[in-house]
C-alpha atoms as a PDB file:
ATOM      1  CA  MET A   1      -0.012  -0.057   0.003  1.00  0.00           C
ATOM      2  CA  LYS A   2       1.616   3.285  -1.118  1.00  0.00           C
ATOM      3  CA  ILE A   3       0.907   6.441   1.072  1.00  0.00           C
ATOM      4  CA  ASP A   4       0.463   9.698  -0.578  1.00  0.00           C
ATOM      5  CA  MET A   5       2.749  11.750   1.477  1.00  0.00           C
ATOM      6  CA  LYS A   6       1.234  15.017   0.286  1.00  0.00           C
ATOM      7  CA  LYS A   7      -2.240  13.941   1.379  1.00  0.00           C
ATOM      8  CA  PHE A   8      -0.781  12.751   4.673  1.00  0.00           C
ATOM      9  CA  ALA A   9       0.952  16.047   5.293  1.00  0.00           C
ATOM     10  CA  ALA A  10      -2.197  17.949   4.492  1.00  0.00           C
ATOM     11  CA  TRP A  11      -4.138  15.748   6.861  1.00  0.00           C
ATOM     12  CA  PHE A  12      -1.616  16.156   9.612  1.00  0.00           C
ATOM     13  CA  ASP A  13      -1.515  19.861   9.126  1.00  0.00           C
ATOM     14  CA  ASP A  14      -5.362  20.148   9.189  1.00  0.00           C
ATOM     15  CA  ARG A  15      -5.416  18.432  12.574  1.00  0.00           C
ATOM     16  CA  LEU A  16      -2.651  20.408  14.219  1.00  0.00           C
ATOM     17  CA  ALA A  17      -2.919  23.583  12.387  1.00  0.00           C
ATOM     18  CA  LEU A  18       0.935  23.853  11.964  1.00  0.00           C
ATOM     19  CA  THR A  19       0.762  26.250   9.043  1.00  0.00           C
ATOM     20  CA  PRO A  20      -0.486  29.408  10.911  1.00  0.00           C
ATOM     21  CA  ILE A  21       2.483  28.667  13.398  1.00  0.00           C
ATOM     22  CA  PHE A  22       4.991  28.524  10.663  1.00  0.00           C
ATOM     23  CA  LYS A  23       3.623  31.778   9.015  1.00  0.00           C
ATOM     24  CA  TYR A  24       3.839  33.434  12.303  1.00  0.00           C
ATOM     25  CA  MET A  25       7.358  32.409  12.791  1.00  0.00           C
ATOM     26  CA  THR A  26       8.361  33.794   9.328  1.00  0.00           C
ATOM     27  CA  LYS A  27       6.730  37.118   9.953  1.00  0.00           C
ATOM     28  CA  LYS A  28       7.844  37.499  13.478  1.00  0.00           C
ATOM     29  CA  GLU A  29      10.754  40.051  14.013  1.00  0.00           C
ATOM     30  CA  VAL A  30      13.320  40.535  16.909  1.00  0.00           C
ATOM     31  CA  PRO A  31      14.373  44.083  17.733  1.00  0.00           C
ATOM     32  CA  GLN A  32      18.103  44.636  17.253  1.00  0.00           C
ATOM     33  CA  HIS A  33      19.767  47.157  19.808  1.00  0.00           C
ATOM     34  CA  GLU A  34      22.522  47.384  22.322  1.00  0.00           C
ATOM     35  CA  HIS A  35      20.596  44.978  24.687  1.00  0.00           C
ATOM     36  CA  SER A  36      19.557  42.373  22.206  1.00  0.00           C
ATOM     37  CA  PHE A  37      22.004  39.875  23.511  1.00  0.00           C
ATOM     38  CA  TRP A  38      19.895  39.261  26.699  1.00  0.00           C
ATOM     39  CA  TYR A  39      17.049  37.890  24.469  1.00  0.00           C
ATOM     40  CA  TYR A  40      19.202  34.814  24.110  1.00  0.00           C
ATOM     41  CA  THR A  41      19.149  33.987  27.708  1.00  0.00           C
ATOM     42  CA  GLY A  42      15.564  33.184  27.528  1.00  0.00           C
ATOM     43  CA  SER A  43      15.734  30.455  25.049  1.00  0.00           C
ATOM     44  CA  SER A  44      18.995  29.108  26.749  1.00  0.00           C
ATOM     45  CA  ILE A  45      16.887  28.497  29.901  1.00  0.00           C
ATOM     46  CA  LEU A  46      14.667  26.267  27.765  1.00  0.00           C
ATOM     47  CA  LEU A  47      17.608  24.466  26.553  1.00  0.00           C
ATOM     48  CA  PHE A  48      18.768  23.660  30.069  1.00  0.00           C
ATOM     49  CA  LEU A  49      15.287  22.678  31.273  1.00  0.00           C
ATOM     50  CA  PHE A  50      15.096  20.256  28.357  1.00  0.00           C
ATOM     51  CA  ILE A  51      18.346  18.711  29.327  1.00  0.00           C
ATOM     52  CA  GLN A  52      17.102  18.459  32.992  1.00  0.00           C
ATOM     53  CA  ILE A  53      14.027  16.546  31.690  1.00  0.00           C
ATOM     54  CA  VAL A  54      15.828  14.220  29.537  1.00  0.00           C
ATOM     55  CA  THR A  55      18.708  13.369  32.202  1.00  0.00           C
ATOM     56  CA  GLY A  56      16.263  13.440  35.069  1.00  0.00           C
ATOM     57  CA  ILE A  57      14.103  10.626  33.445  1.00  0.00           C
ATOM     58  CA  MET A  58      17.237   8.604  32.808  1.00  0.00           C
ATOM     59  CA  LEU A  59      18.242   8.933  36.484  1.00  0.00           C
ATOM     60  CA  ALA A  60      14.790   8.194  37.686  1.00  0.00           C
ATOM     61  CA  LEU A  61      14.754   4.793  35.905  1.00  0.00           C
ATOM     62  CA  TYR A  62      17.258   3.490  38.251  1.00  0.00           C
ATOM     63  CA  TYR A  63      16.882   5.761  41.484  1.00  0.00           C
ATOM     64  CA  LYS A  64      15.231   4.314  44.513  1.00  0.00           C
ATOM     65  CA  PRO A  65      13.595   6.976  46.898  1.00  0.00           C
ATOM     66  CA  THR A  66      14.065   4.847  50.004  1.00  0.00           C
ATOM     67  CA  LEU A  67      16.327   5.173  53.070  1.00  0.00           C
ATOM     68  CA  GLU A  68      17.859   1.899  52.114  1.00  0.00           C
ATOM     69  CA  GLY A  69      18.116   2.319  48.397  1.00  0.00           C
ATOM     70  CA  ALA A  70      18.779   6.082  47.659  1.00  0.00           C
ATOM     71  CA  THR A  71      22.481   6.247  48.222  1.00  0.00           C
ATOM     72  CA  ASP A  72      23.254   2.802  46.828  1.00  0.00           C
ATOM     73  CA  SER A  73      21.092   3.368  43.656  1.00  0.00           C
ATOM     74  CA  ILE A  74      23.109   6.543  42.878  1.00  0.00           C
ATOM     75  CA  GLY A  75      26.296   4.721  43.604  1.00  0.00           C
ATOM     76  CA  ARG A  76      25.111   2.016  41.113  1.00  0.00           C
ATOM     77  CA  ILE A  77      24.235   4.751  38.560  1.00  0.00           C
ATOM     78  CA  MET A  78      27.692   6.245  38.835  1.00  0.00           C
ATOM     79  CA  THR A  79      29.705   2.975  38.844  1.00  0.00           C
ATOM     80  CA  GLU A  80      27.761   0.270  37.031  1.00  0.00           C
ATOM     81  CA  LEU A  81      25.618   1.975  34.173  1.00  0.00           C
ATOM     82  CA  PRO A  82      27.548   3.022  31.180  1.00  0.00           C
ATOM     83  CA  LEU A  83      28.307   6.824  31.372  1.00  0.00           C
ATOM     84  CA  GLY A  84      25.851   6.980  34.366  1.00  0.00           C
ATOM     85  CA  TRP A  85      28.181   9.189  36.273  1.00  0.00           C
ATOM     86  CA  LEU A  86      28.181  11.670  33.297  1.00  0.00           C
ATOM     87  CA  VAL A  87      24.379  11.759  33.198  1.00  0.00           C
ATOM     88  CA  ARG A  88      24.292  12.624  36.745  1.00  0.00           C
ATOM     89  CA  SER A  89      26.881  15.278  36.408  1.00  0.00           C
ATOM     90  CA  VAL A  90      25.114  16.837  33.464  1.00  0.00           C
ATOM     91  CA  HIS A  91      21.908  16.806  35.459  1.00  0.00           C
ATOM     92  CA  SER A  92      23.450  18.550  38.347  1.00  0.00           C
ATOM     93  CA  TRP A  93      25.351  21.066  36.419  1.00  0.00           C
ATOM     94  CA  SER A  94      22.507  21.833  34.044  1.00  0.00           C
ATOM     95  CA  SER A  95      20.467  22.804  37.068  1.00  0.00           C
ATOM     96  CA  THR A  96      23.041  25.196  38.258  1.00  0.00           C
ATOM     97  CA  PHE A  97      23.205  26.684  34.717  1.00  0.00           C
ATOM     98  CA  MET A  98      19.561  27.013  34.484  1.00  0.00           C
ATOM     99  CA  ILE A  99      19.032  28.805  37.763  1.00  0.00           C
ATOM    100  CA  ALA A 100      21.987  31.058  37.021  1.00  0.00           C
ATOM    101  CA  LEU A 101      20.510  31.978  33.589  1.00  0.00           C
ATOM    102  CA  VAL A 102      17.080  32.629  35.158  1.00  0.00           C
ATOM    103  CA  MET A 103      18.750  35.044  37.534  1.00  0.00           C
ATOM    104  CA  ILE A 104      20.630  36.830  34.767  1.00  0.00           C
ATOM    105  CA  HIS A 105      17.641  37.022  32.570  1.00  0.00           C
ATOM    106  CA  LEU A 106      15.542  38.787  35.329  1.00  0.00           C
ATOM    107  CA  LEU A 107      18.536  41.076  36.054  1.00  0.00           C
ATOM    108  CA  ALA A 108      18.739  41.938  32.522  1.00  0.00           C
ATOM    109  CA  ILE A 109      14.997  42.763  32.481  1.00  0.00           C
ATOM    110  CA  TRP A 110      15.319  44.871  35.678  1.00  0.00           C
ATOM    111  CA  PHE A 111      18.224  46.936  34.484  1.00  0.00           C
ATOM    112  CA  THR A 112      16.715  47.523  31.026  1.00  0.00           C
ATOM    113  CA  LYS A 113      13.240  48.278  32.554  1.00  0.00           C
ATOM    114  CA  SER A 114      11.667  45.631  30.176  1.00  0.00           C
ATOM    115  CA  TYR A 115       9.002  44.976  32.783  1.00  0.00           C
ATOM    116  CA  ARG A 116       7.279  48.235  32.033  1.00  0.00           C
ATOM    117  CA  LYS A 117       3.671  48.389  30.775  1.00  0.00           C
ATOM    118  CA  PRO A 118       2.328  46.200  29.127  1.00  0.00           C
ATOM    119  CA  ARG A 119       4.698  43.499  30.339  1.00  0.00           C
ATOM    120  CA  GLU A 120       3.924  43.448  34.028  1.00  0.00           C
ATOM    121  CA  ALA A 121       2.566  39.854  33.966  1.00  0.00           C
ATOM    122  CA  THR A 122       5.472  38.562  31.974  1.00  0.00           C
ATOM    123  CA  TRP A 123       7.891  39.631  34.842  1.00  0.00           C
ATOM    124  CA  MET A 124       5.638  38.155  37.521  1.00  0.00           C
ATOM    125  CA  THR A 125       5.549  34.820  35.748  1.00  0.00           C
ATOM    126  CA  GLY A 126       9.434  35.032  35.298  1.00  0.00           C
ATOM    127  CA  MET A 127       9.731  35.582  39.050  1.00  0.00           C
ATOM    128  CA  MET A 128       7.546  32.448  39.666  1.00  0.00           C
ATOM    129  CA  LEU A 129       9.896  30.466  37.335  1.00  0.00           C
ATOM    130  CA  LEU A 130      12.805  31.629  39.405  1.00  0.00           C
ATOM    131  CA  VAL A 131      11.236  30.604  42.677  1.00  0.00           C
ATOM    132  CA  VAL A 132      10.131  27.186  41.213  1.00  0.00           C
ATOM    133  CA  SER A 133      13.651  26.563  39.777  1.00  0.00           C
ATOM    134  CA  MET A 134      15.184  27.179  43.224  1.00  0.00           C
ATOM    135  CA  VAL A 135      12.792  24.902  44.770  1.00  0.00           C
ATOM    136  CA  PHE A 136      13.626  22.353  42.154  1.00  0.00           C
ATOM    137  CA  GLY A 137      17.302  22.531  43.244  1.00  0.00           C
ATOM    138  CA  PHE A 138      16.307  22.287  46.975  1.00  0.00           C
ATOM    139  CA  THR A 139      14.310  19.187  46.644  1.00  0.00           C
ATOM    140  CA  GLY A 140      16.933  17.512  44.482  1.00  0.00           C
ATOM    141  CA  TYR A 141      19.652  18.288  46.859  1.00  0.00           C
ATOM    142  CA  LEU A 142      18.266  15.704  49.357  1.00  0.00           C
ATOM    143  CA  LEU A 143      17.880  12.866  46.874  1.00  0.00           C
ATOM    144  CA  PRO A 144      21.381  11.469  47.164  1.00  0.00           C
ATOM    145  CA  TRP A 145      20.632  11.052  50.910  1.00  0.00           C
ATOM    146  CA  ASP A 146      24.101  11.540  52.219  1.00  0.00           C
ATOM    147  CA  ASP A 147      25.126  13.368  55.401  1.00  0.00           C
ATOM    148  CA  LEU A 148      25.603  16.757  53.639  1.00  0.00           C
ATOM    149  CA  SER A 149      22.258  16.608  51.996  1.00  0.00           C
ATOM    150  CA  LEU A 150      20.430  15.503  55.095  1.00  0.00           C
ATOM    151  CA  SER A 151      22.042  18.139  57.252  1.00  0.00           C
ATOM    152  CA  ALA A 152      21.445  20.972  54.609  1.00  0.00           C
ATOM    153  CA  THR A 153      17.752  19.926  54.287  1.00  0.00           C
ATOM    154  CA  LYS A 154      17.286  20.013  58.121  1.00  0.00           C
ATOM    155  CA  VAL A 155      18.549  23.577  58.106  1.00  0.00           C
ATOM    156  CA  GLY A 156      16.529  24.502  55.130  1.00  0.00           C
ATOM    157  CA  THR A 157      13.223  23.116  56.272  1.00  0.00           C
ATOM    158  CA  ASN A 158      13.695  24.643  59.757  1.00  0.00           C
ATOM    159  CA  ILE A 159      13.689  28.214  58.262  1.00  0.00           C
ATOM    160  CA  PRO A 160       9.926  28.365  57.799  1.00  0.00           C
ATOM    161  CA  MET A 161       9.531  27.813  61.557  1.00  0.00           C
ATOM    162  CA  ALA A 162      10.199  31.610  62.113  1.00  0.00           C
ATOM    163  CA  ILE A 163       7.078  32.434  60.050  1.00  0.00           C
ATOM    164  CA  PRO A 164       4.214  33.496  62.508  1.00  0.00           C
ATOM    165  CA  VAL A 165       1.089  31.204  62.650  1.00  0.00           C
ATOM    166  CA  VAL A 166       1.758  28.821  59.639  1.00  0.00           C
ATOM    167  CA  GLY A 167       5.644  28.375  60.127  1.00  0.00           C
ATOM    168  CA  LYS A 168       5.412  25.112  62.212  1.00  0.00           C
ATOM    169  CA  TRP A 169       2.839  23.644  59.696  1.00  0.00           C
ATOM    170  CA  VAL A 170       5.006  24.505  56.644  1.00  0.00           C
ATOM    171  CA  THR A 171       7.987  22.763  58.196  1.00  0.00           C
ATOM    172  CA  GLN A 172       6.000  19.629  59.006  1.00  0.00           C
ATOM    173  CA  PHE A 173       4.371  19.638  55.624  1.00  0.00           C
ATOM    174  CA  LEU A 174       7.771  19.827  53.934  1.00  0.00           C
ATOM    175  CA  ARG A 175       9.258  17.198  56.191  1.00  0.00           C
ATOM    176  CA  GLY A 176       6.299  14.828  56.415  1.00  0.00           C
ATOM    177  CA  GLY A 177       6.611  15.010  60.283  1.00  0.00           C
ATOM    178  CA  ASP A 178       8.628  16.685  62.994  1.00  0.00           C
ATOM    179  CA  ASP A 179      11.998  15.776  61.689  1.00  0.00           C
ATOM    180  CA  VAL A 180      13.864  14.977  58.373  1.00  0.00           C
ATOM    181  CA  THR A 181      13.202  11.172  57.827  1.00  0.00           C
ATOM    182  CA  GLY A 182      12.537   8.636  55.067  1.00  0.00           C
ATOM    183  CA  ASP A 183       9.168  10.275  54.724  1.00  0.00           C
ATOM    184  CA  THR A 184      10.863  13.494  53.773  1.00  0.00           C
ATOM    185  CA  LEU A 185      12.821  11.777  51.116  1.00  0.00           C
ATOM    186  CA  THR A 186       9.868  10.226  49.426  1.00  0.00           C
ATOM    187  CA  ARG A 187       8.046  13.567  49.781  1.00  0.00           C
ATOM    188  CA  PHE A 188      10.867  15.520  48.081  1.00  0.00           C
ATOM    189  CA  PHE A 189      11.107  12.918  45.256  1.00  0.00           C
ATOM    190  CA  LEU A 190       7.349  13.348  44.591  1.00  0.00           C
ATOM    191  CA  PHE A 191       7.763  17.146  44.554  1.00  0.00           C
ATOM    192  CA  HIS A 192      11.016  17.020  42.282  1.00  0.00           C
ATOM    193  CA  VAL A 193       9.520  14.491  39.644  1.00  0.00           C
ATOM    194  CA  CYS A 194       5.762  15.051  39.742  1.00  0.00           C
ATOM    195  CA  ILE A 195       4.424  18.144  41.255  1.00  0.00           C
ATOM    196  CA  LEU A 196       7.226  20.774  40.321  1.00  0.00           C
ATOM    197  CA  PRO A 197       7.440  19.757  36.590  1.00  0.00           C
ATOM    198  CA  LEU A 198       3.686  20.342  36.251  1.00  0.00           C
ATOM    199  CA  VAL A 199       3.924  23.669  38.008  1.00  0.00           C
ATOM    200  CA  ILE A 200       6.934  24.866  35.918  1.00  0.00           C
ATOM    201  CA  PHE A 201       5.302  23.814  32.725  1.00  0.00           C
ATOM    202  CA  ALA A 202       2.080  25.673  33.538  1.00  0.00           C
ATOM    203  CA  ILE A 203       3.873  28.819  34.356  1.00  0.00           C
ATOM    204  CA  LEU A 204       6.302  28.438  31.426  1.00  0.00           C
ATOM    205  CA  VAL A 205       3.315  28.099  28.874  1.00  0.00           C
ATOM    206  CA  VAL A 206       1.776  31.341  30.253  1.00  0.00           C
ATOM    207  CA  HIS A 207       5.115  33.192  30.238  1.00  0.00           C
ATOM    208  CA  ILE A 208       5.911  32.149  26.691  1.00  0.00           C
ATOM    209  CA  LEU A 209       2.322  33.249  25.516  1.00  0.00           C
ATOM    210  CA  LEU A 210       2.729  36.554  27.171  1.00  0.00           C
ATOM    211  CA  VAL A 211       6.160  37.062  25.451  1.00  0.00           C
ATOM    212  CA  GLN A 212       4.485  36.386  22.135  1.00  0.00           C
ATOM    213  CA  LYS A 213       1.596  38.491  22.664  1.00  0.00           C
ATOM    214  CA  GLU A 214       3.406  41.523  24.053  1.00  0.00           C
ATOM    215  CA  GLY A 215       6.619  40.991  21.931  1.00  0.00           C
ATOM    216  CA  MET A 216      10.101  41.988  22.840  1.00  0.00           C
ATOM    217  CA  SER A 217      10.759  45.302  24.402  1.00  0.00           C
ATOM    218  CA  VAL A 218      13.033  47.937  23.126  1.00  0.00           C
ATOM    219  CA  PRO A 219      15.272  50.120  25.172  1.00  0.00           C
ATOM    220  CA  LEU A 220      13.425  52.799  27.171  1.00  0.00           C
ATOM    221  CA  LYS A 221      15.160  55.779  25.635  1.00  0.00           C
ATOM    222  CA  ASP A 222      14.178  54.527  22.150  1.00  0.00           C
ATOM    223  CA  GLU A 223      10.661  54.063  23.234  1.00  0.00           C
ATOM    224  CA  ILE A 224      10.466  57.520  24.752  1.00  0.00           C
ATOM    225  CA  ALA A 225      11.950  59.026  21.586  1.00  0.00           C
ATOM    226  CA  LYS A 226       9.682  56.994  19.425  1.00  0.00           C
ATOM    227  CA  LYS A 227      12.753  55.804  17.535  1.00  0.00           C
ATOM    228  CA  LYS A 228      12.345  52.927  15.093  1.00  0.00           C
ATOM    229  CA  VAL A 229      14.626  50.188  16.080  1.00  0.00           C
ATOM    230  CA  PRO A 230      15.900  47.801  13.301  1.00  0.00           C
ATOM    231  CA  ALA A 231      14.524  44.248  13.520  1.00  0.00           C
ATOM    232  CA  LEU A 232      15.993  40.737  12.694  1.00  0.00           C
ATOM    233  CA  PRO A 233      13.736  37.951  11.134  1.00  0.00           C
ATOM    234  CA  PHE A 234      12.881  35.375  13.799  1.00  0.00           C
ATOM    235  CA  TRP A 235      13.107  32.697  11.243  1.00  0.00           C
ATOM    236  CA  PRO A 236      15.735  31.664  10.211  1.00  0.00           C
ATOM    237  CA  ASN A 237      18.148  34.362  11.196  1.00  0.00           C
ATOM    238  CA  PHE A 238      17.382  34.816  14.979  1.00  0.00           C
ATOM    239  CA  ILE A 239      16.784  30.909  15.384  1.00  0.00           C
ATOM    240  CA  LEU A 240      20.276  30.281  13.787  1.00  0.00           C
ATOM    241  CA  ARG A 241      22.028  32.654  16.243  1.00  0.00           C
ATOM    242  CA  GLU A 242      20.284  30.932  18.983  1.00  0.00           C
ATOM    243  CA  VAL A 243      21.522  27.445  17.797  1.00  0.00           C
ATOM    244  CA  VAL A 244      25.087  28.568  17.799  1.00  0.00           C
ATOM    245  CA  ILE A 245      24.763  29.846  21.354  1.00  0.00           C
ATOM    246  CA  TRP A 246      23.167  26.577  22.405  1.00  0.00           C
ATOM    247  CA  LEU A 247      26.059  24.603  20.929  1.00  0.00           C
ATOM    248  CA  VAL A 248      28.568  26.737  22.891  1.00  0.00           C
ATOM    249  CA  LEU A 249      26.630  26.260  26.113  1.00  0.00           C
ATOM    250  CA  LEU A 250      26.401  22.533  25.551  1.00  0.00           C
ATOM    251  CA  GLY A 251      30.193  22.512  24.977  1.00  0.00           C
ATOM    252  CA  ILE A 252      30.826  24.420  28.276  1.00  0.00           C
ATOM    253  CA  LEU A 253      28.292  22.149  30.056  1.00  0.00           C
ATOM    254  CA  LEU A 254      29.862  18.845  28.943  1.00  0.00           C
ATOM    255  CA  THR A 255      33.396  20.093  29.677  1.00  0.00           C
ATOM    256  CA  ILE A 256      32.450  21.170  33.299  1.00  0.00           C
ATOM    257  CA  SER A 257      30.446  18.029  33.695  1.00  0.00           C
ATOM    258  CA  LEU A 258      33.544  15.844  32.604  1.00  0.00           C
ATOM    259  CA  MET A 259      35.894  17.827  34.698  1.00  0.00           C
ATOM    260  CA  PHE A 260      34.008  18.409  37.951  1.00  0.00           C
ATOM    261  CA  ALA A 261      31.547  15.480  38.380  1.00  0.00           C
ATOM    262  CA  PRO A 262      29.803  15.571  41.700  1.00  0.00           C
ATOM    263  CA  SER A 263      30.954  13.005  44.375  1.00  0.00           C
ATOM    264  CA  LEU A 264      28.697  10.838  46.598  1.00  0.00           C
ATOM    265  CA  GLU A 265      29.201  10.863  50.380  1.00  0.00           C
ATOM    266  CA  LEU A 266      28.418   8.189  52.808  1.00  0.00           C
ATOM    267  CA  THR A 267      24.775   7.247  53.422  1.00  0.00           C
ATOM    268  CA  ALA A 268      23.064   9.717  55.825  1.00  0.00           C
ATOM    269  CA  ASP A 269      22.842   8.558  59.349  1.00  0.00           C
ATOM    270  CA  LEU A 270      19.713  10.015  61.114  1.00  0.00           C
ATOM    271  CA  MET A 271      21.307   9.711  64.475  1.00  0.00           C
ATOM    272  CA  ALA A 272      24.649  11.250  63.643  1.00  0.00           C
ATOM    273  CA  PRO A 273      25.430  14.922  64.487  1.00  0.00           C
ATOM    274  CA  ALA A 274      25.490  17.391  61.532  1.00  0.00           C
ATOM    275  CA  PRO A 275      28.879  17.618  59.908  1.00  0.00           C
ATOM    276  CA  GLU A 276      30.798  20.839  60.113  1.00  0.00           C
ATOM    277  CA  GLY A 277      30.573  23.472  57.374  1.00  0.00           C
ATOM    278  CA  VAL A 278      26.999  22.576  56.319  1.00  0.00           C
ATOM    279  CA  LYS A 279      25.966  25.051  53.553  1.00  0.00           C
ATOM    280  CA  PRO A 280      23.119  25.235  51.019  1.00  0.00           C
ATOM    281  CA  GLU A 281      23.416  25.359  47.191  1.00  0.00           C
ATOM    282  CA  TRP A 282      25.148  28.508  45.948  1.00  0.00           C
ATOM    283  CA  TYR A 283      21.991  30.287  45.091  1.00  0.00           C
ATOM    284  CA  PHE A 284      20.825  30.124  48.789  1.00  0.00           C
ATOM    285  CA  LEU A 285      24.078  31.170  50.359  1.00  0.00           C
ATOM    286  CA  PHE A 286      23.332  34.855  50.667  1.00  0.00           C
ATOM    287  CA  LEU A 287      20.058  34.162  52.318  1.00  0.00           C
ATOM    288  CA  PHE A 288      21.748  31.696  54.587  1.00  0.00           C
ATOM    289  CA  GLN A 289      24.412  34.223  55.637  1.00  0.00           C
ATOM    290  CA  THR A 290      21.542  36.944  56.206  1.00  0.00           C
ATOM    291  CA  LEU A 291      19.928  34.642  58.700  1.00  0.00           C
ATOM    292  CA  LYS A 292      23.211  34.229  60.542  1.00  0.00           C
ATOM    293  CA  ILE A 293      23.977  38.015  60.982  1.00  0.00           C
ATOM    294  CA  PHE A 294      20.968  38.649  63.050  1.00  0.00           C
ATOM    295  CA  PRO A 295      21.278  38.055  66.901  1.00  0.00           C
ATOM    296  CA  ALA A 296      19.375  35.239  68.446  1.00  0.00           C
ATOM    297  CA  ASN A 297      16.829  37.424  70.316  1.00  0.00           C
ATOM    298  CA  MET A 298      15.607  40.855  69.203  1.00  0.00           C
ATOM    299  CA  GLY A 299      13.179  41.900  72.144  1.00  0.00           C
ATOM    300  CA  PRO A 300       9.994  40.036  71.919  1.00  0.00           C
ATOM    301  CA  VAL A 301      10.923  38.072  68.655  1.00  0.00           C
ATOM    302  CA  THR A 302      13.964  35.965  67.453  1.00  0.00           C
ATOM    303  CA  GLY A 303      16.516  37.454  65.007  1.00  0.00           C
ATOM    304  CA  GLU A 304      15.575  34.582  62.663  1.00  0.00           C
ATOM    305  CA  PHE A 305      11.944  35.829  62.525  1.00  0.00           C
ATOM    306  CA  VAL A 306      13.077  39.375  61.745  1.00  0.00           C
ATOM    307  CA  ALA A 307      15.314  38.002  58.923  1.00  0.00           C
ATOM    308  CA  VAL A 308      12.673  35.762  57.435  1.00  0.00           C
ATOM    309  CA  VAL A 309      10.106  38.643  57.439  1.00  0.00           C
ATOM    310  CA  LEU A 310      12.545  41.089  55.678  1.00  0.00           C
ATOM    311  CA  ILE A 311      13.365  38.481  53.088  1.00  0.00           C
ATOM    312  CA  LEU A 312       9.657  37.868  52.328  1.00  0.00           C
ATOM    313  CA  ILE A 313       8.903  41.585  52.075  1.00  0.00           C
ATOM    314  CA  ALA A 314      11.820  41.853  49.696  1.00  0.00           C
ATOM    315  CA  VAL A 315      10.576  38.929  47.563  1.00  0.00           C
ATOM    316  CA  VAL A 316       7.025  40.295  47.474  1.00  0.00           C
ATOM    317  CA  ALA A 317       8.464  43.930  46.450  1.00  0.00           C
ATOM    318  CA  ILE A 318      10.470  42.377  43.656  1.00  0.00           C
ATOM    319  CA  PHE A 319       7.437  40.361  42.470  1.00  0.00           C
ATOM    320  CA  PHE A 320       5.436  43.592  42.194  1.00  0.00           C
ATOM    321  CA  LEU A 321       8.283  45.573  40.925  1.00  0.00           C
ATOM    322  CA  PRO A 322       6.548  46.737  37.574  1.00  0.00           C
ATOM    323  CA  PHE A 323       3.891  48.406  39.741  1.00  0.00           C
ATOM    324  CA  ILE A 324       6.231  49.973  42.155  1.00  0.00           C
ATOM    325  CA  ASP A 325       8.304  51.320  39.285  1.00  0.00           C
ATOM    326  CA  ASN A 326       5.336  52.635  37.307  1.00  0.00           C
ATOM    327  CA  LYS A 327       7.449  55.578  36.008  1.00  0.00           C
ATOM    328  CA  PRO A 328      10.826  53.942  35.062  1.00  0.00           C
ATOM    329  CA  GLU A 329      11.875  57.031  33.075  1.00  0.00           C
ATOM    330  CA  GLY A 330      11.790  59.209  36.198  1.00  0.00           C
ATOM    331  CA  LYS A 331      13.809  59.715  39.444  1.00  0.00           C
ATOM    332  CA  LYS A 332      12.129  56.622  41.214  1.00  0.00           C
ATOM    333  CA  GLY A 333      13.224  54.399  38.206  1.00  0.00           C
ATOM    334  CA  LYS A 334      16.889  55.480  38.631  1.00  0.00           C
ATOM    335  CA  ILE A 335      16.664  54.608  42.437  1.00  0.00           C
ATOM    336  CA  ILE A 336      15.162  51.286  41.723  1.00  0.00           C
ATOM    337  CA  ALA A 337      18.002  50.698  39.231  1.00  0.00           C
ATOM    338  CA  TYR A 338      20.568  51.498  41.750  1.00  0.00           C
ATOM    339  CA  LEU A 339      18.782  49.256  44.306  1.00  0.00           C
ATOM    340  CA  GLY A 340      19.188  46.404  41.827  1.00  0.00           C
ATOM    341  CA  VAL A 341      22.836  46.995  41.631  1.00  0.00           C
ATOM    342  CA  ALA A 342      23.058  47.120  45.464  1.00  0.00           C
ATOM    343  CA  GLY A 343      21.187  43.865  45.647  1.00  0.00           C
ATOM    344  CA  VAL A 344      23.580  42.164  43.318  1.00  0.00           C
ATOM    345  CA  ILE A 345      26.565  43.372  45.193  1.00  0.00           C
ATOM    346  CA  TYR A 346      24.889  42.200  48.489  1.00  0.00           C
ATOM    347  CA  ALA A 347      24.234  38.740  47.197  1.00  0.00           C
ATOM    348  CA  ILE A 348      27.740  38.346  45.966  1.00  0.00           C
ATOM    349  CA  VAL A 349      29.440  39.704  49.038  1.00  0.00           C
ATOM    350  CA  PHE A 350      27.188  37.704  51.442  1.00  0.00           C
ATOM    351  CA  SER A 351      27.737  34.522  49.318  1.00  0.00           C
ATOM    352  CA  ILE A 352      31.521  34.933  49.520  1.00  0.00           C
ATOM    353  CA  TRP A 353      31.244  35.669  53.174  1.00  0.00           C
ATOM    354  CA  SER A 354      29.200  32.471  53.760  1.00  0.00           C
ATOM    355  CA  LEU A 355      31.754  30.362  52.006  1.00  0.00           C
ATOM    356  CA  LEU A 356      34.661  31.832  53.889  1.00  0.00           C
END
């Protein structure tokens, strides 16, 4: 039986309506200006998310989320399965790259004021993606179930205790009880491979739709001057440039993964004391150090409570930044830009301080 490929392609296109998508891609244009490079960070985030999905599925085929099997299963992946150690290393480093790029992407939007009307919701969904990405890293950190990950998770899940009213409940919900146990491991695995992927996909779809609807922003000064900015065709010009950047990033990722593969510590002992120098992942270091600089007691409340409240206020303020900075071309806009620079310096200094 001979299949008519033209008829099959027409049938396929009629069901999926691909032609309008291709037409949109050929007509879509990308503004070209001094800040155009930051456009490529968005698609690079998708690249590392895709790598996370593929390598995560490969690891989940052999991982056992139990007290008895977690560490041993990862040891088997690293020593018995062909290139299993490399798959684990790529998964670990691509997570770091993805979170770093989300941060860089949001900072670029902050400093270029690209969150201004009508892109407020685009910024807010981007902030959600950053938070979910960091939670991804936090839940994945426990899965090796070694001494370091156990102690770091105890510290991390204890922080919400400082939140008034709901703090104790949040900690118990995360741990599955009063302490970090096998129930916590199972719960974190469920979050990591089931719940968080659904959440990040839902937010990502909305974020991409908003980007397509509102388009890519141009520099504020060009918008005020009503200057026409030159544009680059999305297909194939912009896509080809993205592919080049993806290949470079893949080369960097593979090189680092080969040279600096993560190790595996001894199986966690629930009864053993916490090892010295327990620290969270790099993207939590400045928050960790912030909690440490406050005194144990500050009058009627603890220093940890004050620190957590201040961090929550800062996160909420950043989430609603487009509404706070509603006149980005004015004096308030400049102050907010300087605050962004100060925030970056603060995070770097406190992260280094925590490491030292």
